[in-house]
Amino acid sequence: MNRSFEEYFVSMAFTPASFEQRFRSENLDAEASKLWFRGEVLVGLVLVARRGWNSRVAGMGLVVAERGKGYGKVMLQAAIDEATVRSDRNLLLEVFTANEPARRLYERLGFRNTRLLTNFQCPPKAAEVSDSGLLETDPREVARLLSQQADGELPWMLAPETLAAFAPPIRAFQLENKAFAVVREDPARTLFLCLLVPRQHRRQGWGSRLMEAIEAAYSTKNLLCYLVPEGTGYEFLKARQWAPQELTLWEMVRPL
């Protein structure tokens, strides 16, 4: 994984423990995933996650010395063919919008853009903001609520199935059982993964109150919210003056 993502758009350095923690919740399929070799030389890898009738390329990379030789097309076509044999209905992936060569390859193999995903950075917050009222809760309970209350299909990495598989050090919080959040604290950043307000409590300020508490609790922890589709959540973060980041992603899907 690390060799295949050297010189990538973002740092991708894993230990065995962090790799397992990251991909366990995404339903990585070790049988469908492949390491590719030319003789004894490592070429790259394709990681495939599976849920029901859908599968996802969770990561595809080539080692630096083997890039530009056409291996990426062969590797991805093999993943498409195997998904078809499994009778999957769709194969999806995400690609950075700035990664134009990869996106062109995916389009040639039948993938189409479905929506733009944006990462947001929390602005610095005043020290006097209080985080009082936050109570920890089981991430699985938040996932259960999200499966009932989400408006539309969420990105794979933020879906209820993903949240249900999270375990500590992932943390979930609730505010008077009227607003819920899930965060993941990494060494260099904290990812804000989920904000949920059940329908009966919406438009009453609970989302803003919970966000204020999370922002206070993680004010020194480089708080980021990632893979946000356009819509209510996107507008909510902008209204709170979170800064959209330049490095955006396309979600792409190939019907099978």
Protein backbone atom coordinates (compact mmCIF):
# COMPACT_ATOMS: atom_id res chain seq x y z
CA MET A 1 0.00 0.00 0.00
CA ASN A 2 2.68 2.49 0.98
CA ARG A 3 4.87 1.79 -2.06
CA SER A 4 1.93 1.98 -4.44
CA PHE A 5 0.92 5.44 -3.15
CA GLU A 6 4.33 7.14 -3.00
CA GLU A 7 4.26 10.72 -4.38
CA TYR A 8 0.46 10.71 -4.21
CA PHE A 9 -1.76 13.79 -3.81
CA VAL A 10 -2.04 13.15 -0.07
CA SER A 11 0.16 11.22 2.32
CA MET A 12 -0.72 7.51 2.46
CA ALA A 13 1.58 5.96 5.06
CA PHE A 14 0.16 2.94 6.90
CA THR A 15 1.29 0.59 9.60
CA PRO A 16 -0.37 -2.85 9.73
CA ALA A 17 -2.53 -1.62 12.62
CA SER A 18 -3.64 1.61 10.92
CA PHE A 19 -4.31 -0.25 7.67
CA GLU A 20 -6.57 -2.73 9.47
CA GLN A 21 -8.35 0.04 11.37
CA ARG A 22 -8.96 2.07 8.22
CA PHE A 23 -10.19 -0.67 5.91
CA ARG A 24 -12.05 -2.97 8.31
CA SER A 25 -14.99 -0.58 8.42
CA GLU A 26 -15.09 -0.25 4.62
CA ASN A 27 -15.79 -3.99 4.16
CA LEU A 28 -12.53 -4.68 2.38
CA ASP A 29 -12.63 -8.07 0.63
CA ALA A 30 -9.21 -9.72 0.90
CA GLU A 31 -10.12 -12.32 -1.73
CA ALA A 32 -11.24 -9.75 -4.31
CA SER A 33 -8.26 -7.46 -3.60
CA LYS A 34 -5.05 -8.12 -5.51
CA LEU A 35 -1.31 -7.51 -5.38
CA TRP A 36 0.05 -7.33 -8.93
CA PHE A 37 3.53 -8.49 -9.93
CA ARG A 38 5.62 -8.61 -13.10
CA GLY A 39 7.68 -11.68 -12.39
CA GLU A 40 9.09 -11.02 -8.93
CA VAL A 41 8.69 -7.23 -9.24
CA LEU A 42 5.78 -5.59 -7.43
CA VAL A 43 3.70 -3.50 -9.85
CA GLY A 44 0.89 -2.28 -7.61
CA LEU A 45 -2.32 -3.20 -5.85
CA VAL A 46 -6.09 -2.98 -6.16
CA LEU A 47 -8.15 -3.03 -2.96
CA VAL A 48 -11.81 -3.98 -3.40
CA ALA A 49 -14.57 -3.53 -0.82
CA ARG A 50 -17.96 -5.23 -1.15
CA ARG A 51 -21.48 -4.71 0.22
CA GLY A 52 -24.49 -6.53 -1.14
CA TRP A 53 -24.71 -6.07 -4.89
CA ASN A 54 -22.19 -3.21 -4.96
CA SER A 55 -18.42 -3.17 -4.85
CA ARG A 56 -15.90 -0.37 -4.63
CA VAL A 57 -12.29 0.17 -5.59
CA ALA A 58 -11.10 1.25 -2.15
CA GLY A 59 -7.58 1.92 -3.41
CA MET A 60 -5.59 1.38 -6.60
CA GLY A 61 -1.96 2.38 -6.98
CA LEU A 62 1.23 1.64 -8.87
CA VAL A 63 4.78 1.75 -7.56
CA VAL A 64 6.68 4.73 -8.95
CA ALA A 65 8.92 2.75 -11.33
CA GLU A 66 5.97 1.00 -12.99
CA ARG A 67 3.75 3.99 -13.71
CA GLY A 68 2.95 5.06 -17.26
CA LYS A 69 3.24 1.53 -18.68
CA GLY A 70 -0.45 0.70 -19.04
CA TYR A 71 -0.70 -1.56 -15.99
CA GLY A 72 -3.45 0.53 -14.39
CA LYS A 73 -5.87 -0.27 -17.22
CA VAL A 74 -5.14 -4.00 -16.96
CA MET A 75 -5.58 -4.00 -13.17
CA LEU A 76 -8.84 -2.06 -13.19
CA GLN A 77 -10.30 -4.07 -16.07
CA ALA A 78 -9.59 -7.24 -14.09
CA ALA A 79 -11.50 -5.77 -11.12
CA ILE A 80 -14.43 -4.92 -13.42
CA ASP A 81 -14.44 -8.41 -14.94
CA GLU A 82 -14.36 -10.12 -11.53
CA ALA A 83 -17.18 -7.90 -10.23
CA THR A 84 -19.24 -8.82 -13.28
CA VAL A 85 -18.64 -12.55 -12.68
CA ARG A 86 -19.76 -12.07 -9.06
CA SER A 87 -23.03 -10.55 -10.41
CA ASP A 88 -22.37 -7.21 -8.74
CA ARG A 89 -24.64 -4.44 -10.01
CA ASN A 90 -22.26 -1.47 -9.68
CA LEU A 91 -18.56 -0.77 -9.15
CA LEU A 92 -17.71 2.61 -7.70
CA LEU A 93 -14.64 4.59 -6.71
CA GLU A 94 -13.49 8.08 -5.78
CA VAL A 95 -10.79 10.03 -7.61
CA PHE A 96 -9.23 13.41 -6.89
CA THR A 97 -10.47 15.93 -9.44
CA ALA A 98 -6.87 17.04 -9.96
CA ASN A 99 -5.86 13.49 -10.96
CA GLU A 100 -6.82 13.96 -14.59
CA PRO A 101 -4.92 10.93 -16.02
CA ALA A 102 -6.66 8.57 -13.59
CA ARG A 103 -10.09 10.08 -14.27
CA ARG A 104 -9.62 9.73 -18.03
CA LEU A 105 -8.67 6.08 -17.54
CA TYR A 106 -11.77 5.45 -15.47
CA GLU A 107 -13.98 7.12 -18.06
CA ARG A 108 -12.50 4.98 -20.83
CA LEU A 109 -13.44 1.90 -18.81
CA GLY A 110 -17.05 3.03 -18.38
CA PHE A 111 -17.06 5.00 -15.10
CA ARG A 112 -19.11 8.19 -14.93
CA ASN A 113 -19.11 11.05 -12.42
CA THR A 114 -22.03 10.93 -10.00
CA ARG A 115 -21.26 13.78 -7.58
CA LEU A 116 -18.53 16.07 -6.32
CA LEU A 117 -17.17 15.48 -2.80
CA THR A 118 -15.54 18.33 -0.87
CA ASN A 119 -13.34 18.39 2.24
CA PHE A 120 -13.78 21.21 4.77
CA GLN A 121 -11.41 22.71 7.35
CA CYS A 122 -12.76 24.06 10.63
CA PRO A 123 -11.70 27.68 11.28
CA PRO A 124 -10.04 28.64 14.58
CA LYS A 125 -12.61 29.09 17.33
CA ALA A 126 -12.66 31.43 20.30
CA ALA A 127 -11.35 29.89 23.51
CA GLU A 128 -14.46 30.84 25.48
CA VAL A 129 -16.71 28.47 23.51
CA SER A 130 -17.72 25.61 25.82
CA ASP A 131 -17.93 21.93 24.97
CA SER A 132 -20.21 21.21 27.94
CA GLY A 133 -23.14 18.89 27.36
CA LEU A 134 -21.35 16.40 25.10
CA LEU A 135 -21.84 12.80 26.16
CA GLU A 136 -20.12 9.82 24.57
CA THR A 137 -22.25 7.13 22.96
CA ASP A 138 -21.77 3.93 20.97
CA PRO A 139 -20.88 4.62 17.30
CA ARG A 140 -23.06 1.65 16.36
CA GLU A 141 -26.11 3.41 17.83
CA VAL A 142 -25.37 6.49 15.73
CA ALA A 143 -25.03 4.25 12.67
CA ARG A 144 -28.41 2.68 13.43
CA LEU A 145 -30.05 6.10 13.61
CA LEU A 146 -28.27 7.23 10.47
CA SER A 147 -29.63 4.26 8.52
CA GLN A 148 -33.15 5.39 9.49
CA GLN A 149 -32.72 9.14 9.21
CA ALA A 150 -30.25 9.86 6.40
CA ASP A 151 -31.56 11.88 3.48
CA GLY A 152 -30.28 10.06 0.42
CA GLU A 153 -27.31 7.80 -0.26
CA LEU A 154 -24.12 8.74 1.58
CA PRO A 155 -20.58 8.20 0.26
CA TRP A 156 -19.30 4.68 1.00
CA MET A 157 -16.81 5.84 3.66
CA LEU A 158 -19.53 7.77 5.53
CA ALA A 159 -22.39 5.31 5.11
CA PRO A 160 -24.20 3.73 8.09
CA GLU A 161 -22.54 0.38 7.31
CA THR A 162 -19.12 2.02 7.68
CA LEU A 163 -20.00 3.75 10.94
CA ALA A 164 -21.43 0.52 12.37
CA ALA A 165 -18.06 -1.20 11.91
CA PHE A 166 -16.08 1.54 13.64
CA ALA A 167 -14.54 0.80 17.03
CA PRO A 168 -12.39 2.87 19.41
CA PRO A 169 -10.40 5.08 18.96
CA ILE A 170 -13.39 6.24 16.88
CA ARG A 171 -15.62 8.28 19.20
CA ALA A 172 -19.31 9.18 19.00
CA PHE A 173 -21.13 11.91 20.91
CA GLN A 174 -24.69 12.99 21.55
CA LEU A 175 -26.31 16.14 22.85
CA GLU A 176 -29.49 15.45 24.85
CA ASN A 177 -30.26 12.61 22.42
CA LYS A 178 -31.24 15.22 19.85
CA ALA A 179 -28.00 15.52 17.85
CA PHE A 180 -25.21 13.02 17.22
CA ALA A 181 -21.66 13.12 15.87
CA VAL A 182 -18.82 10.71 15.08
CA VAL A 183 -15.14 11.69 14.93
CA ARG A 184 -11.82 9.92 14.27
CA GLU A 185 -8.71 11.39 15.85
CA ASP A 186 -5.60 10.64 13.78
CA PRO A 187 -2.04 11.68 14.72
CA ALA A 188 -2.09 14.83 12.56
CA ARG A 189 -5.80 15.60 12.32
CA THR A 190 -9.30 14.83 13.58
CA LEU A 191 -11.87 13.77 10.99
CA PHE A 192 -15.48 14.80 11.60
CA LEU A 193 -17.33 11.86 10.04
CA CYS A 194 -20.99 12.34 10.85
CA LEU A 195 -23.49 14.90 12.09
CA LEU A 196 -27.02 13.62 12.55
CA VAL A 197 -30.12 15.37 13.84
CA PRO A 198 -33.23 13.14 13.83
CA ARG A 199 -36.06 14.59 11.74
CA GLN A 200 -38.26 15.49 14.71
CA HIS A 201 -35.50 17.71 16.13
CA ARG A 202 -34.41 19.49 12.96
CA ARG A 203 -34.61 23.25 12.44
CA GLN A 204 -34.37 23.79 16.20
CA GLY A 205 -30.67 24.62 16.40
CA TRP A 206 -29.47 21.24 17.68
CA GLY A 207 -27.04 20.72 14.83
CA SER A 208 -25.40 24.09 15.45
CA ARG A 209 -25.19 23.45 19.20
CA LEU A 210 -23.54 20.10 18.68
CA MET A 211 -21.10 21.55 16.14
CA GLU A 212 -20.13 24.29 18.59
CA ALA A 213 -19.40 21.65 21.21
CA ILE A 214 -17.33 19.52 18.82
CA GLU A 215 -15.42 22.55 17.58
CA ALA A 216 -14.59 23.46 21.16
CA ALA A 217 -13.59 19.92 22.14
CA TYR A 218 -11.24 19.62 19.15
CA SER A 219 -10.18 23.25 18.79
CA THR A 220 -6.47 22.34 18.79
CA LYS A 221 -6.79 19.07 16.82
CA ASN A 222 -6.88 20.20 13.16
CA LEU A 223 -10.57 19.41 12.66
CA LEU A 224 -11.58 18.36 9.14
CA CYS A 225 -14.82 17.16 7.58
CA TYR A 226 -14.32 15.17 4.40
CA LEU A 227 -16.22 13.71 1.44
CA VAL A 228 -19.15 16.12 1.81
CA PRO A 229 -21.61 15.99 -1.13
CA GLU A 230 -23.33 19.14 -2.30
CA GLY A 231 -26.55 19.73 -0.43
CA THR A 232 -27.69 20.46 3.11
CA GLY A 233 -24.50 19.37 4.87
CA TYR A 234 -22.35 21.34 2.45
CA GLU A 235 -24.36 24.51 2.98
CA PHE A 236 -24.41 23.97 6.76
CA LEU A 237 -20.60 23.84 6.94
CA LYS A 238 -20.25 26.92 4.74
CA ALA A 239 -22.70 28.81 6.95
CA ARG A 240 -20.50 27.91 9.93
CA GLN A 241 -17.54 29.36 8.01
CA TRP A 242 -15.75 26.08 7.51
CA ALA A 243 -13.38 26.46 4.58
CA PRO A 244 -13.86 24.19 1.53
CA GLN A 245 -10.51 22.72 0.48
CA GLU A 246 -9.19 22.89 -3.07
CA LEU A 247 -8.48 19.14 -3.28
CA THR A 248 -11.94 17.77 -4.17
CA LEU A 249 -12.98 14.31 -5.39
CA TRP A 250 -15.35 12.85 -7.91
CA GLU A 251 -17.43 9.87 -6.93
CA MET A 252 -17.65 7.66 -10.02
CA VAL A 253 -19.83 4.63 -10.75
CA ARG A 254 -19.71 1.95 -13.43
CA PRO A 255 -22.92 -0.07 -13.90
CA LEU A 256 -22.17 -3.77 -14.51
